[in-house]
Every structure is written in structure tokens, then in C-alpha cells.
Amino acid sequence: ILVTPTIKNGAGYMAATTYTGTGAPQSITNTVGSKSFKPDLVWIKSRSNTANNNLFDAIRGTTNYLVSNNQLAEATNANSLTAFNSNGFTVGTDASSVGVNVNAATYVAWQWLAGAGTTSTSTSGSITSTVCVNTTSGFSIVTWTGTGANATVGHGLGLTPSFFINMPRTGSTIYNKNAWHTSLTSNQYCIALNTTDQQYGPDATIWNSTSANSSVFSVGTSTATNLFGGTYVTYCFAPIAGFSAFGSYTGNGAADGPFVYCGFRPRYVMVKPSDLTQSWTVIDTGRQPYNSNGLELYPNSSSAELTQTGSTIDILSNGFKLRQSSATYNGSGSIVIYAAFAENPFNY
């Protein structure tokens, strides 16, 4: 029996929008059909150039960006993303080699709706946090300051996140962009978005050996995740039937790879072997709207888009199927974690 999903069209909550740089200010719209939204997280990656993965969000504000493929702190570029609009965003004249609007360069912007710019204070945890949240789509942006002691941080979802990415914003020493995923070995493990490293652990000081719940996530005494006085932004995702899914599959090392049921046709799929030194890989139907999809980008790398010979995955009405034997996403016996977001739920 198919449960009627609360989100009937994923285009109102998540977008994979392509555009071409001009070197002059331009507004990018995320409208698909009649659906659009004001994004709270905009993740921009150049497809044609070697350039950083640049992340902007509504709490940290326009022009302030973090990079997923290195350990650098938050930086500001007044000519980068200059506005979050009701149907997309605006980029300025940032035409540097690592910019978001180089003339003739091609880009993809992955976008998520949280609170449409509305923020609130959460006192659910021992650390007071600022949240921008959408409980319908299971996504929240959380900013907070580290204490160096075991602590909890409110995320505002009212649901238990299955995936969260913890990004240091400041500090004399910058650490990895560490993430937790429901399919890691336990709550004593983390995995870094900015590296090819396999999951790290066990280490009880990372997340205080405590799983997230519907109100808070936990951080321990590790300087990698909770530096005293350090400022952080954490992106939290909870699974929503028909819209988002987070889990793992076991690779078989064959071109006829595993099928992963999501309950929807994916718009976006990100995968990473948790037990191998391999890249994170993103596939989306904004760049290639076909069933057979082989355009790869890498959150841990500044590399330009790679066109795979043959399909990397098949995008299906109810999930995706691996079509390569590469250890990057289908090593024999490897445990591969994934995050997927819907174009349309299977019902529709």
C-alpha cells in the first residue's frame, strides 16, 4: 500500500538548477513547471571549471560562504550570492576562478527550502541555537557556538535527523566538515564531507556516543566537532516519505549493480562508500534529465564535472540502480551511504 505523501511535488522544496555565468549580476530562478521556492541553502558548483563547492545559507546571510571540499573557514565575497529571492537567488559579478558567475562557465545550484528566511531561537539543547526549519520537508539549518564540553544542540525538526553535516565557521584551526549518517557503524563514528576518507571511529568524544533525537543532536568534547568558542552551522535532514531517503546499500562490483528503493523518482542522489577511501558523488536530473545518468560532481573536490562512459546510475520512478562497477559507488562488498531527494513521489 502506497502512503499518500505530504509533498506531492519535490520541486517546491528542493531544486537542482543549471545556469551559465555572465560575469554580470544575474538572477537564477528555480521554477519547475509552476513550482518555485525561496531557498535557504544554496550549494553552487561549477560544472565546466575547476572550482570550489560554495555553500550559502539564510542564517549566515548573503555573500558569506563555506566550501565543502576543504577545511577553510567561512569567508565573505560581496560579489558572490547577493540575494535569496522568492523563486531562486541572485549572483553578483564574482568572476574569479573559484567564483559563482564566471563568464561562459556552466553551473549547478542545489537548493533546499527551510524556513524561507525565517529564523528562531531554540533552547531545546544545553547550547542555545538559531534555527531555520521546515518540518514538512525535514530540513533545518542550525547555527551555534561550541563549548568544548559534552552538549546537546536543538535542531527544530520535531523529527529525528538521519543525516547531518557539521561545518566549522571560525577558529584559528579549522577542522573537517564532519557528518553523521544513520548508516555509519554507530554514534561513535563520523565521516568527512571534504575528504575521500572512510568513516572515522570509534571515538566517544565526537558525538558524545549519543544519537540524535527529535529535538537535539549531541556533540562531545572533540575539538573536531565542538571547539570551545568555535562557531558552527549544521545542516540537518530527516527522512520524509515520498520526498527524502537516507540509507545504505552493499555494492556488488558489477555493471548490473544494486537497486535502491526510495519511494520516489530522485531529483538528487549523493553517495559515498563509508568503508573505502573514495569520493562523494552527486548525480542529479537538473544536469541530465534522463533515466540514464552519468554526469558526476564531487562535494570533496574542486574538479569539474566528469562525464562517465555509460550510465553511473539509472534514475527510476521509485529509486535508483547502479550501472557501474567502480569502487567509488559500487565496490564489491562495500557499504555505500546515500542521501536522495525527490523529483516526484512514486504515487505520482
Protein backbone atom coordinates (compact mmCIF):
# COMPACT_ATOMS: atom_id res chain seq x y z
CA ILE A 1 0.00 0.00 0.00
CA LEU A 2 1.40 3.39 -1.01
CA VAL A 3 1.05 6.05 1.69
CA THR A 4 -0.19 9.39 0.35
CA PRO A 5 2.86 11.68 0.62
CA THR A 6 2.67 15.11 2.23
CA ILE A 7 4.87 16.50 -0.56
CA LYS A 8 3.36 15.72 -3.94
CA ASN A 9 5.95 17.67 -5.96
CA GLY A 10 9.55 17.88 -4.75
CA ALA A 11 10.18 20.98 -6.88
CA GLY A 12 8.61 23.10 -4.14
CA TYR A 13 11.29 22.11 -1.61
CA MET A 14 14.48 21.06 -3.41
CA ALA A 15 15.96 22.15 -6.74
CA ALA A 16 18.90 21.29 -8.97
CA THR A 17 19.12 24.36 -11.21
CA THR A 18 21.61 24.86 -14.02
CA TYR A 19 22.81 28.23 -15.28
CA THR A 20 25.60 29.86 -17.27
CA GLY A 21 27.81 32.56 -15.81
CA THR A 22 27.87 36.04 -17.31
CA GLY A 23 30.30 37.95 -15.08
CA ALA A 24 27.48 40.45 -14.55
CA PRO A 25 24.78 40.35 -11.85
CA GLN A 26 22.01 37.91 -12.71
CA SER A 27 19.03 36.29 -11.00
CA ILE A 28 18.67 32.50 -11.20
CA THR A 29 15.17 31.04 -10.94
CA ASN A 30 14.44 27.55 -9.65
CA THR A 31 10.95 27.28 -11.14
CA VAL A 32 9.98 23.85 -12.49
CA GLY A 33 6.53 23.83 -14.04
CA SER A 34 4.53 26.06 -11.69
CA LYS A 35 6.65 25.28 -8.62
CA SER A 36 9.34 27.51 -7.14
CA PHE A 37 10.54 28.49 -3.66
CA LYS A 38 12.78 30.84 -1.71
CA PRO A 39 15.88 28.76 -0.95
CA ASP A 40 17.57 28.80 2.45
CA LEU A 41 20.57 26.68 1.41
CA VAL A 42 22.20 27.26 -1.96
CA TRP A 43 25.12 24.98 -2.87
CA ILE A 44 26.82 26.11 -6.10
CA LYS A 45 29.34 24.07 -8.09
CA SER A 46 30.95 24.95 -11.40
CA ARG A 47 30.46 22.19 -13.94
CA SER A 48 32.92 23.40 -16.59
CA ASN A 49 35.72 24.79 -14.40
CA THR A 50 37.88 23.56 -11.56
CA ALA A 51 36.27 25.49 -8.71
CA ASN A 52 35.15 25.07 -5.12
CA ASN A 53 31.79 23.83 -3.89
CA ASN A 54 30.37 27.04 -2.37
CA LEU A 55 27.58 26.91 0.23
CA PHE A 56 25.41 29.88 1.21
CA ASP A 57 22.54 29.86 3.69
CA ALA A 58 19.89 32.19 5.04
CA ILE A 59 21.14 32.28 8.65
CA ARG A 60 24.75 33.16 7.85
CA GLY A 61 23.47 35.59 5.24
CA THR A 62 24.24 36.57 1.66
CA THR A 63 27.86 36.85 0.49
CA ASN A 64 29.07 34.53 3.30
CA TYR A 65 30.14 31.13 2.02
CA LEU A 66 31.62 27.85 3.20
CA VAL A 67 33.44 25.35 1.00
CA SER A 68 32.69 21.63 1.22
CA ASN A 69 35.90 20.45 -0.45
CA ASN A 70 38.44 21.89 2.01
CA GLN A 71 38.96 22.83 5.66
CA LEU A 72 38.76 26.59 5.16
CA ALA A 73 36.70 28.78 7.47
CA GLU A 74 33.73 30.83 6.36
CA ALA A 75 34.67 33.66 4.01
CA THR A 76 32.91 36.66 2.51
CA ASN A 77 32.75 37.85 -1.07
CA ALA A 78 30.50 40.87 -1.62
CA ASN A 79 30.04 39.94 -5.28
CA SER A 80 29.05 36.30 -4.81
CA LEU A 81 25.49 35.32 -3.83
CA THR A 82 23.83 38.65 -3.12
CA ALA A 83 20.16 37.75 -2.54
CA PHE A 84 17.81 34.89 -1.70
CA ASN A 85 14.75 35.51 -3.89
CA SER A 86 11.19 34.20 -3.79
CA ASN A 87 11.98 31.93 -6.74
CA GLY A 88 15.75 31.49 -6.56
CA PHE A 89 18.75 33.68 -5.89
CA THR A 90 20.95 36.41 -7.34
CA VAL A 91 24.68 36.22 -8.03
CA GLY A 92 26.93 39.25 -8.42
CA THR A 93 29.98 39.97 -10.51
CA ASP A 94 32.11 37.28 -8.86
CA ALA A 95 34.10 36.07 -11.85
CA SER A 96 37.16 34.76 -10.02
CA SER A 97 38.45 31.29 -10.82
CA VAL A 98 36.63 29.96 -7.75
CA GLY A 99 33.60 32.19 -8.23
CA VAL A 100 29.92 31.60 -8.85
CA ASN A 101 29.44 33.68 -12.00
CA VAL A 102 32.44 33.30 -14.34
CA ASN A 103 31.51 34.37 -17.85
CA ALA A 104 30.53 31.37 -20.03
CA ALA A 105 31.16 28.87 -17.21
CA THR A 106 28.35 26.41 -16.52
CA TYR A 107 26.98 25.77 -13.02
CA VAL A 108 24.54 23.76 -11.00
CA ALA A 109 22.90 25.15 -7.86
CA TRP A 110 21.44 22.61 -5.44
CA GLN A 111 18.86 24.37 -3.27
CA TRP A 112 16.75 23.45 -0.25
CA LEU A 113 13.83 25.20 1.43
CA ALA A 114 13.95 25.55 5.21
CA GLY A 115 12.08 28.48 6.78
CA ALA A 116 12.06 30.77 3.72
CA GLY A 117 14.37 33.13 5.59
CA THR A 118 12.53 32.97 8.93
CA THR A 119 14.68 32.07 11.93
CA SER A 120 14.02 31.38 15.60
CA THR A 121 15.91 30.60 18.79
CA SER A 122 15.97 27.03 20.09
CA THR A 123 16.60 26.30 23.76
CA SER A 124 15.89 22.57 23.40
CA GLY A 125 19.57 21.73 23.92
CA SER A 126 22.14 22.71 26.50
CA ILE A 127 23.57 25.05 23.83
CA THR A 128 21.16 27.73 22.59
CA SER A 129 20.95 27.65 18.81
CA THR A 130 19.41 29.63 15.96
CA VAL A 131 17.34 27.56 13.56
CA CYS A 132 15.75 27.98 10.14
CA VAL A 133 13.49 24.97 9.74
CA ASN A 134 10.89 23.26 7.55
CA THR A 135 9.23 20.37 9.35
CA THR A 136 7.29 19.37 6.21
CA SER A 137 10.43 18.63 4.22
CA GLY A 138 12.56 17.56 7.20
CA PHE A 139 15.33 20.11 6.76
CA SER A 140 16.83 22.61 9.19
CA ILE A 141 19.81 24.95 9.30
CA VAL A 142 21.29 25.37 12.77
CA THR A 143 23.94 27.84 13.98
CA TRP A 144 25.58 27.57 17.38
CA THR A 145 28.76 28.17 19.37
CA GLY A 146 30.92 25.37 20.73
CA THR A 147 31.62 24.83 24.43
CA GLY A 148 34.28 22.12 24.35
CA ALA A 149 32.13 20.11 26.77
CA ASN A 150 29.54 17.39 26.18
CA ALA A 151 26.42 19.17 24.97
CA THR A 152 23.19 18.99 23.01
CA VAL A 153 22.01 21.36 20.26
CA GLY A 154 18.37 21.92 19.28
CA HIS A 155 17.63 21.40 15.58
CA GLY A 156 13.94 22.32 15.47
CA LEU A 157 12.76 19.49 13.23
CA GLY A 158 10.45 17.63 15.59
CA LEU A 159 11.78 14.56 13.75
CA THR A 160 14.98 12.59 14.22
CA PRO A 161 17.58 13.50 11.59
CA SER A 162 19.16 10.64 9.66
CA PHE A 163 21.92 12.82 8.23
CA PHE A 164 23.60 15.99 9.41
CA ILE A 165 26.68 17.93 8.28
CA ASN A 166 28.56 19.95 10.89
CA MET A 167 30.64 22.78 9.39
CA PRO A 168 33.09 24.90 11.44
CA ARG A 169 32.78 28.59 10.54
CA THR A 170 35.61 30.16 12.55
CA GLY A 171 38.67 29.30 14.61
CA SER A 172 42.43 29.53 14.37
CA THR A 173 42.48 25.83 13.45
CA ILE A 174 39.81 24.67 11.04
CA TYR A 175 38.67 21.08 11.15
CA ASN A 176 36.91 18.77 8.70
CA LYS A 177 33.31 19.24 7.68
CA ASN A 178 32.26 16.20 9.69
CA ALA A 179 28.95 14.46 9.09
CA TRP A 180 26.90 11.79 10.77
CA HIS A 181 24.71 9.40 8.79
CA THR A 182 22.27 6.81 10.04
CA SER A 183 24.15 4.04 8.20
CA LEU A 184 27.54 4.65 9.80
CA THR A 185 28.66 1.91 12.18
CA SER A 186 27.43 3.71 15.32
CA ASN A 187 27.07 7.08 17.05
CA GLN A 188 30.82 6.97 17.74
CA TYR A 189 31.65 7.48 14.06
CA CYS A 190 31.74 10.41 11.68
CA ILE A 191 32.60 10.89 8.01
CA ALA A 192 34.18 13.99 6.49
CA LEU A 193 32.47 15.70 3.56
CA ASN A 194 35.69 17.43 2.48
CA THR A 195 37.80 14.28 2.10
CA THR A 196 37.75 10.87 0.48
CA ASP A 197 38.37 9.24 3.88
CA GLN A 198 36.28 6.34 5.08
CA GLN A 199 34.27 6.72 8.29
CA TYR A 200 36.32 7.60 11.36
CA GLY A 201 35.94 5.95 14.76
CA PRO A 202 35.11 4.64 17.20
CA ASP A 203 35.60 7.85 19.17
CA ALA A 204 33.22 8.61 22.02
CA THR A 205 34.20 12.31 22.02
CA ILE A 206 32.79 13.12 18.56
CA TRP A 207 29.03 12.98 19.23
CA ASN A 208 29.26 12.03 22.94
CA SER A 209 28.25 8.47 21.96
CA THR A 210 24.69 9.78 21.77
CA SER A 211 22.32 9.53 18.82
CA ALA A 212 20.23 12.48 17.72
CA ASN A 213 16.55 12.53 18.63
CA SER A 214 13.51 14.54 17.54
CA SER A 215 14.71 17.62 19.47
CA VAL A 216 18.51 17.67 19.57
CA PHE A 217 21.76 16.29 18.23
CA SER A 218 24.72 15.74 20.54
CA VAL A 219 28.35 16.85 20.41
CA GLY A 220 31.21 15.67 22.61
CA THR A 221 34.48 17.12 23.78
CA SER A 222 36.31 16.64 20.47
CA THR A 223 37.76 19.83 19.02
CA ALA A 224 36.81 18.45 15.61
CA THR A 225 33.08 18.86 16.32
CA ASN A 226 32.80 21.16 19.37
CA LEU A 227 35.73 23.54 19.74
CA PHE A 228 35.35 25.92 22.68
CA GLY A 229 34.29 29.29 21.25
CA GLY A 230 34.14 27.95 17.70
CA THR A 231 31.08 28.82 15.64
CA TYR A 232 29.26 26.21 13.57
CA VAL A 233 26.48 25.68 11.08
CA THR A 234 24.83 22.26 10.97
CA TYR A 235 22.56 21.12 8.15
CA CYS A 236 20.09 18.51 9.45
CA PHE A 237 17.95 16.20 7.31
CA ALA A 238 15.17 13.86 8.45
CA PRO A 239 13.57 11.32 6.08
CA ILE A 240 10.15 12.26 4.67
CA ALA A 241 8.19 9.54 2.89
CA GLY A 242 7.96 10.34 -0.81
CA PHE A 243 10.49 13.18 -0.60
CA SER A 244 13.79 12.18 1.04
CA ALA A 245 15.61 8.97 1.93
CA PHE A 246 18.86 8.19 3.74
CA GLY A 247 20.33 4.73 3.97
CA SER A 248 22.94 2.38 2.55
CA TYR A 249 23.40 -0.43 0.06
CA THR A 250 26.05 -3.09 -0.40
CA GLY A 251 27.99 -2.85 -3.64
CA ASN A 252 28.41 -5.88 -5.90
CA GLY A 253 31.28 -4.64 -8.10
CA ALA A 254 29.27 -5.28 -11.26
CA ALA A 255 27.78 -3.12 -14.00
CA ASP A 256 24.42 -4.68 -13.11
CA GLY A 257 24.52 -3.04 -9.68
CA PRO A 258 22.13 -2.90 -6.73
CA PHE A 259 18.69 -1.30 -6.93
CA VAL A 260 17.93 1.17 -4.13
CA TYR A 261 14.27 1.74 -3.31
CA CYS A 262 13.49 5.33 -2.29
CA GLY A 263 9.74 5.55 -2.78
CA PHE A 264 10.17 8.36 -5.30
CA ARG A 265 11.87 9.36 -8.54
CA PRO A 266 15.06 11.09 -7.35
CA ARG A 267 15.99 14.61 -8.34
CA TYR A 268 19.30 14.36 -6.46
CA VAL A 269 21.40 11.43 -5.24
CA MET A 270 24.63 11.69 -3.22
CA VAL A 271 26.63 8.53 -2.42
CA LYS A 272 29.84 7.70 -0.53
CA PRO A 273 31.43 4.36 0.44
CA SER A 274 31.66 4.52 4.23
CA ASP A 275 34.34 1.83 4.36
CA LEU A 276 36.60 2.86 1.47
CA THR A 277 38.82 5.83 0.60
CA GLN A 278 36.71 7.15 -2.27
CA SER A 279 34.98 10.37 -3.28
CA TRP A 280 31.48 11.52 -2.51
CA THR A 281 29.49 11.61 -5.78
CA VAL A 282 26.41 13.64 -6.74
CA ILE A 283 24.07 12.84 -9.62
CA ASP A 284 21.01 14.97 -10.38
CA THR A 285 18.34 15.30 -13.03
CA GLY A 286 18.78 19.05 -13.33
CA ARG A 287 22.01 18.49 -15.26
CA GLN A 288 20.86 15.33 -17.05
CA PRO A 289 17.10 14.74 -17.01
CA TYR A 290 17.30 11.22 -18.39
CA ASN A 291 16.83 7.79 -16.89
CA SER A 292 20.47 7.00 -17.72
CA ASN A 293 22.59 9.50 -15.79
CA GLY A 294 26.38 9.74 -15.90
CA LEU A 295 27.29 13.35 -15.05
CA GLU A 296 29.26 13.28 -11.80
CA LEU A 297 30.29 16.04 -9.39
CA TYR A 298 32.18 15.59 -6.14
CA PRO A 299 31.48 17.51 -2.89
CA ASN A 300 35.02 16.74 -1.64
CA SER A 301 36.73 18.01 -4.81
CA SER A 302 37.02 21.18 -6.88
CA SER A 303 37.16 19.07 -10.06
CA ALA A 304 34.95 19.95 -12.98
CA GLU A 305 32.07 17.70 -13.97
CA LEU A 306 33.01 14.24 -15.18
CA THR A 307 31.01 12.59 -17.93
CA GLN A 308 31.06 8.88 -17.16
CA THR A 309 31.33 6.46 -20.07
CA GLY A 310 27.92 4.87 -19.88
CA SER A 311 25.48 5.49 -17.06
CA THR A 312 26.56 5.85 -13.42
CA ILE A 313 23.03 5.19 -12.21
CA ASP A 314 19.58 4.73 -13.65
CA ILE A 315 17.07 7.20 -12.20
CA LEU A 316 13.83 5.22 -11.79
CA SER A 317 10.28 6.05 -10.74
CA ASN A 318 10.81 4.55 -7.28
CA GLY A 319 14.58 4.79 -6.69
CA PHE A 320 17.87 4.29 -8.49
CA LYS A 321 20.05 1.45 -9.80
CA LEU A 322 23.84 1.36 -10.04
CA ARG A 323 25.24 0.85 -13.54
CA GLN A 324 29.00 0.95 -12.92
CA SER A 325 31.39 -1.39 -11.14
CA SER A 326 33.57 1.44 -9.81
CA ALA A 327 34.60 1.30 -6.14
CA THR A 328 33.56 4.97 -5.92
CA TYR A 329 29.95 3.85 -5.61
CA ASN A 330 29.71 0.10 -6.16
CA GLY A 331 32.74 -1.72 -4.79
CA SER A 332 32.16 -5.41 -4.17
CA GLY A 333 31.00 -5.83 -0.57
CA SER A 334 31.39 -2.12 0.17
CA ILE A 335 28.81 -0.32 2.33
CA VAL A 336 27.73 2.81 0.45
CA ILE A 337 25.71 5.50 2.21
CA TYR A 338 23.32 7.72 0.29
CA ALA A 339 21.11 10.79 0.56
CA ALA A 340 18.34 11.21 -2.01
CA PHE A 341 15.67 13.85 -2.64
CA ALA A 342 12.57 13.54 -4.82
CA GLU A 343 11.51 14.90 -8.11
CA ASN A 344 8.16 13.14 -7.67
CA PRO A 345 6.89 10.53 -5.20
CA PHE A 346 6.20 7.07 -6.65
CA ASN A 347 2.43 7.60 -6.22
CA TYR A 348 2.51 10.39 -8.80
